[in-house]
């Protein structure tokens, strides 16, 4: 057996940067989520912006009761993202639960753990995105059941949007929603757009719609907002990233309203 060299302590301590990344985004995603992490890795993460993920307990099927059951775990989930360190943004990645629980309740729960962070939900981000497009009349495509979709429709009408057409696919398992083929998303999106609508919103963070948003825009001639595209856009803008990325969709060329 060869003799190992002695282990010695370096003569000085290393210089430490304040942060590994200039900006830090925390994601709270469902235990069953297949899509949000990869979408944010593709659209948001960079040498300047770090993306840090925690998962929150969730059990299918997608019903208002199961969605609402996540609320008590939200503060603890936020606390688990870089404990005792500040975040610039925290995003809760469930569109239908954001409707059922409410944007303001989600923000309060997250700020109880990370008071310095801006809070993003898919619903609030989508509404800002539609406003950025100047949309008044919209069409909506969701993977949900009619029951779950009703509260989604009410959310947007309460904000003053006229819904020309609302199409849902009737799925109850978010793991199946993540398996909808991208070309099927494009096909359903083409059918879901009413001619008089100013924009199309494709709901659900599980659905891989952000990856085909530009393709849907080309096929429909309408601006497209998806849950993950909207949250990625909002998070980037809140972190001071104003870069234009039209290849990801028209939304990524716009500024965040009110910022």
Protein backbone atom coordinates (compact mmCIF):
# COMPACT_ATOMS: atom_id res chain seq x y z
CA UNK A 1 0.00 0.00 0.00
CA UNK A 2 1.35 3.40 -0.99
CA UNK A 3 1.82 6.07 1.65
CA UNK A 4 -0.60 9.02 1.36
CA UNK A 5 0.73 12.55 1.49
CA UNK A 6 -0.05 14.33 4.76
CA UNK A 7 -3.21 16.41 4.84
CA UNK A 8 -2.38 20.04 5.49
CA UNK A 9 -4.51 23.08 6.16
CA UNK A 10 -4.23 25.87 3.56
CA UNK A 11 -2.26 28.90 4.68
CA UNK A 12 -5.26 31.21 4.27
CA UNK A 13 -9.05 31.17 4.16
CA UNK A 14 -10.73 31.56 0.75
CA UNK A 15 -12.34 34.87 -0.27
CA UNK A 16 -16.15 34.54 -0.24
CA UNK A 17 -18.61 36.26 -2.55
CA UNK A 18 -21.74 37.70 -0.97
CA UNK A 19 -23.85 35.25 -3.00
CA UNK A 20 -23.21 32.54 -5.61
CA UNK A 21 -25.82 34.38 -7.75
CA UNK A 22 -26.76 38.06 -7.87
CA UNK A 23 -30.50 37.26 -7.71
CA UNK A 24 -32.30 34.34 -6.07
CA UNK A 25 -35.68 32.91 -7.02
CA UNK A 26 -37.40 30.31 -4.86
CA UNK A 27 -39.93 27.92 -6.37
CA UNK A 28 -42.60 26.13 -4.36
CA UNK A 29 -43.83 23.33 -6.59
CA UNK A 30 -46.18 20.41 -6.11
CA UNK A 31 -44.77 17.04 -5.03
CA UNK A 32 -46.11 15.64 -8.31
CA UNK A 33 -44.79 18.43 -10.60
CA UNK A 34 -42.85 17.24 -13.66
CA UNK A 35 -42.65 20.52 -15.56
CA UNK A 36 -41.88 23.70 -13.61
CA UNK A 37 -38.25 22.92 -12.75
CA UNK A 38 -37.27 22.16 -16.33
CA UNK A 39 -39.16 25.21 -17.65
CA UNK A 40 -37.38 27.51 -15.18
CA UNK A 41 -34.02 25.90 -15.89
CA UNK A 42 -34.59 26.63 -19.60
CA UNK A 43 -36.11 30.11 -19.35
CA UNK A 44 -34.88 31.70 -16.11
CA UNK A 45 -31.76 30.22 -14.51
CA UNK A 46 -28.44 31.82 -15.46
CA UNK A 47 -25.07 32.76 -14.02
CA UNK A 48 -26.77 35.86 -12.57
CA UNK A 49 -30.07 34.31 -11.43
CA UNK A 50 -30.20 31.24 -9.22
CA UNK A 51 -33.35 29.13 -9.02
CA UNK A 52 -33.94 27.14 -5.82
CA UNK A 53 -36.76 24.60 -5.51
CA UNK A 54 -38.78 23.02 -2.72
CA UNK A 55 -41.79 20.73 -3.01
CA UNK A 56 -45.08 20.91 -1.18
CA UNK A 57 -47.25 17.89 -0.28
CA UNK A 58 -50.04 17.31 -2.78
CA UNK A 59 -52.32 14.37 -3.61
CA UNK A 60 -54.34 13.86 -6.78
CA UNK A 61 -57.05 14.14 -8.05
CA UNK A 62 -57.18 17.84 -8.90
CA UNK A 63 -60.19 19.00 -6.93
CA UNK A 64 -60.86 22.26 -5.06
CA UNK A 65 -60.56 20.35 -1.77
CA UNK A 66 -57.16 18.82 -2.57
CA UNK A 67 -55.88 22.11 -3.94
CA UNK A 68 -56.96 23.99 -0.82
CA UNK A 69 -55.24 21.39 1.38
CA UNK A 70 -51.82 22.76 0.38
CA UNK A 71 -52.33 26.10 2.12
CA UNK A 72 -51.23 25.05 5.64
CA UNK A 73 -47.88 23.76 4.29
CA UNK A 74 -46.98 26.88 2.32
CA UNK A 75 -45.09 28.86 4.97
CA UNK A 76 -43.01 25.83 5.94
CA UNK A 77 -42.23 25.14 2.28
CA UNK A 78 -40.98 28.72 1.84
CA UNK A 79 -38.85 28.41 4.98
CA UNK A 80 -37.07 25.39 3.48
CA UNK A 81 -35.70 27.41 0.57
CA UNK A 82 -32.26 28.57 1.72
CA UNK A 83 -33.24 28.84 5.40
CA UNK A 84 -32.30 32.13 7.08
CA UNK A 85 -31.24 33.62 3.72
CA UNK A 86 -33.09 36.25 1.74
CA UNK A 87 -34.77 35.57 -1.60
CA UNK A 88 -35.64 38.15 -4.24
CA UNK A 89 -38.74 36.32 -5.50
CA UNK A 90 -40.77 33.31 -4.39
CA UNK A 91 -43.10 31.70 -6.91
CA UNK A 92 -45.85 29.26 -5.95
CA UNK A 93 -46.36 27.00 -8.93
CA UNK A 94 -49.97 25.91 -9.08
CA UNK A 95 -52.49 27.84 -11.13
CA UNK A 96 -55.70 26.15 -10.01
CA UNK A 97 -54.68 26.26 -6.33
CA UNK A 98 -53.88 29.96 -6.67
CA UNK A 99 -57.50 30.48 -7.68
CA UNK A 100 -58.93 28.30 -4.91
CA UNK A 101 -56.66 29.59 -2.11
CA UNK A 102 -56.37 33.15 -3.41
CA UNK A 103 -53.34 35.19 -4.46
CA UNK A 104 -53.39 37.33 -1.32
CA UNK A 105 -53.54 34.35 1.04
CA UNK A 106 -50.63 32.74 -0.78
CA UNK A 107 -48.62 35.94 -0.58
CA UNK A 108 -49.28 36.25 3.16
CA UNK A 109 -48.25 32.63 3.80
CA UNK A 110 -45.00 33.01 1.86
CA UNK A 111 -44.13 36.38 3.35
CA UNK A 112 -44.49 34.89 6.82
CA UNK A 113 -41.30 32.99 5.98
CA UNK A 114 -39.66 35.29 3.42
CA UNK A 115 -40.93 38.83 4.16
CA UNK A 116 -38.42 40.50 1.84
CA UNK A 117 -39.38 38.50 -1.26
CA UNK A 118 -41.74 39.50 -4.05
CA UNK A 119 -44.38 36.79 -4.43
CA UNK A 120 -45.53 35.47 -7.80
CA UNK A 121 -48.49 33.20 -8.53
CA UNK A 122 -49.41 31.85 -11.96
CA UNK A 123 -52.81 33.54 -11.87
CA UNK A 124 -51.53 36.99 -10.92
CA UNK A 125 -48.67 36.68 -13.41
CA UNK A 126 -51.06 35.61 -16.17
CA UNK A 127 -53.35 38.56 -15.44
CA UNK A 128 -50.37 40.94 -15.63
CA UNK A 129 -49.26 39.31 -18.86
CA UNK A 130 -52.69 39.72 -20.44
CA UNK A 131 -52.71 43.35 -19.29
CA UNK A 132 -49.27 43.86 -20.82
CA UNK A 133 -50.74 42.70 -24.13
CA UNK A 134 -53.66 45.10 -23.72
CA UNK A 135 -56.05 42.14 -23.86
CA UNK A 136 -59.67 42.73 -22.93
CA UNK A 137 -61.27 39.66 -24.49
CA UNK A 138 -59.59 36.28 -23.95
CA UNK A 139 -59.94 32.59 -24.64
CA UNK A 140 -58.83 30.04 -22.04
CA UNK A 141 -57.63 26.44 -22.39
CA UNK A 142 -57.21 24.28 -19.28
CA UNK A 143 -56.54 20.58 -18.71
CA UNK A 144 -58.97 20.54 -15.77
CA UNK A 145 -62.51 19.30 -15.26
CA UNK A 146 -65.48 21.60 -15.68
CA UNK A 147 -65.80 21.85 -11.88
CA UNK A 148 -62.21 23.05 -11.39
CA UNK A 149 -62.43 25.31 -14.44
CA UNK A 150 -65.45 27.23 -13.11
CA UNK A 151 -63.39 29.01 -10.43
CA UNK A 152 -60.75 29.81 -13.05
CA UNK A 153 -63.36 31.48 -15.23
CA UNK A 154 -64.67 33.47 -12.27
CA UNK A 155 -61.16 34.64 -11.40
CA UNK A 156 -60.61 36.27 -14.77
CA UNK A 157 -64.09 37.68 -15.18
CA UNK A 158 -63.80 39.25 -11.71
CA UNK A 159 -60.66 41.01 -12.98
CA UNK A 160 -62.67 42.48 -15.87
CA UNK A 161 -61.66 40.14 -18.71
CA UNK A 162 -64.38 38.98 -21.10
CA UNK A 163 -64.06 35.26 -21.81
CA UNK A 164 -65.09 34.45 -25.38
CA UNK A 165 -64.34 30.74 -25.23
CA UNK A 166 -63.34 28.41 -22.38
CA UNK A 167 -62.14 24.88 -23.23
CA UNK A 168 -61.20 22.23 -20.66
CA UNK A 169 -59.80 18.73 -21.27
CA UNK A 170 -61.37 16.95 -18.30
CA UNK A 171 -58.20 15.55 -16.69
CA UNK A 172 -57.95 15.04 -12.93
CA UNK A 173 -54.31 13.94 -12.48
CA UNK A 174 -51.57 16.54 -12.88
CA UNK A 175 -49.09 13.81 -13.83
CA UNK A 176 -51.24 13.07 -16.89
CA UNK A 177 -51.46 16.80 -17.61
CA UNK A 178 -47.65 16.82 -17.81
CA UNK A 179 -47.79 14.04 -20.40
CA UNK A 180 -49.96 15.90 -22.93
CA UNK A 181 -47.87 15.84 -26.10
CA UNK A 182 -46.63 19.27 -27.25
CA UNK A 183 -48.21 18.87 -30.69
CA UNK A 184 -51.52 18.09 -28.99
CA UNK A 185 -51.21 21.31 -26.97
CA UNK A 186 -50.82 23.22 -30.23
CA UNK A 187 -53.79 21.42 -31.81
CA UNK A 188 -56.10 22.06 -28.84
CA UNK A 189 -54.91 25.67 -28.62
CA UNK A 190 -55.86 26.32 -32.23
CA UNK A 191 -59.37 25.05 -31.53
CA UNK A 192 -59.63 26.97 -28.24
CA UNK A 193 -59.08 30.47 -29.64
CA UNK A 194 -62.19 32.50 -30.46
CA UNK A 195 -61.66 34.82 -33.46
CA UNK A 196 -62.67 37.91 -31.49
CA UNK A 197 -60.31 37.23 -28.56
CA UNK A 198 -57.26 39.44 -28.02
CA UNK A 199 -55.17 36.64 -26.47
CA UNK A 200 -55.17 32.99 -25.37
CA UNK A 201 -54.37 31.84 -21.84
CA UNK A 202 -53.25 28.20 -21.43
CA UNK A 203 -53.57 27.34 -17.75
CA UNK A 204 -51.69 24.82 -15.57
CA UNK A 205 -48.04 24.70 -14.54
CA UNK A 206 -47.98 20.96 -15.26
CA UNK A 207 -48.78 21.41 -18.95
CA UNK A 208 -45.75 21.81 -21.22
CA UNK A 209 -47.31 24.78 -23.00
CA UNK A 210 -44.47 27.25 -22.42
CA UNK A 211 -42.28 25.24 -24.75
CA UNK A 212 -44.71 25.66 -27.66
CA UNK A 213 -46.04 29.17 -26.92
CA UNK A 214 -44.30 30.71 -29.93
CA UNK A 215 -45.60 27.88 -32.12
CA UNK A 216 -49.16 28.45 -30.89
CA UNK A 217 -48.81 32.17 -31.62
CA UNK A 218 -47.69 31.39 -35.15
CA UNK A 219 -50.60 28.99 -35.62
CA UNK A 220 -53.30 31.24 -34.16
CA UNK A 221 -52.03 34.75 -34.86
CA UNK A 222 -52.85 35.62 -31.22
CA UNK A 223 -50.59 36.46 -28.26
CA UNK A 224 -50.28 33.46 -25.95
CA UNK A 225 -49.89 33.42 -22.18
CA UNK A 226 -49.16 30.13 -20.38
CA UNK A 227 -48.83 29.59 -16.65
CA UNK A 228 -45.10 28.87 -16.69
CA UNK A 229 -44.31 31.44 -19.37
CA UNK A 230 -46.09 34.11 -17.31
CA UNK A 231 -44.36 33.22 -14.04
CA UNK A 232 -40.95 32.96 -15.70
CA UNK A 233 -41.49 36.38 -17.32
CA UNK A 234 -42.63 37.95 -14.04
CA UNK A 235 -39.72 36.46 -12.09
CA UNK A 236 -37.18 37.63 -14.66
CA UNK A 237 -38.58 41.16 -14.73
CA UNK A 238 -38.69 41.34 -10.92
CA UNK A 239 -35.02 40.37 -10.92
CA UNK A 240 -34.19 43.21 -13.29
CA UNK A 241 -33.81 41.06 -16.40
CA UNK A 242 -35.36 43.10 -19.21
CA UNK A 243 -33.92 41.07 -22.08
CA UNK A 244 -36.12 40.41 -25.11
CA UNK A 245 -36.48 36.72 -26.04
CA UNK A 246 -39.07 36.52 -28.81
CA UNK A 247 -38.16 32.91 -29.50
CA UNK A 248 -39.95 32.03 -26.23
CA UNK A 249 -43.08 33.95 -27.22
CA UNK A 250 -44.21 37.55 -27.58
CA UNK A 251 -44.61 37.91 -23.81
CA UNK A 252 -40.85 37.75 -23.35
CA UNK A 253 -40.50 41.00 -25.29
CA UNK A 254 -42.72 43.01 -22.91
CA UNK A 255 -42.15 44.87 -19.66
CA UNK A 256 -43.98 44.01 -16.46
CA UNK A 257 -46.90 46.43 -15.95
CA UNK A 258 -46.50 48.68 -12.96
CA UNK A 259 -42.79 48.01 -12.62
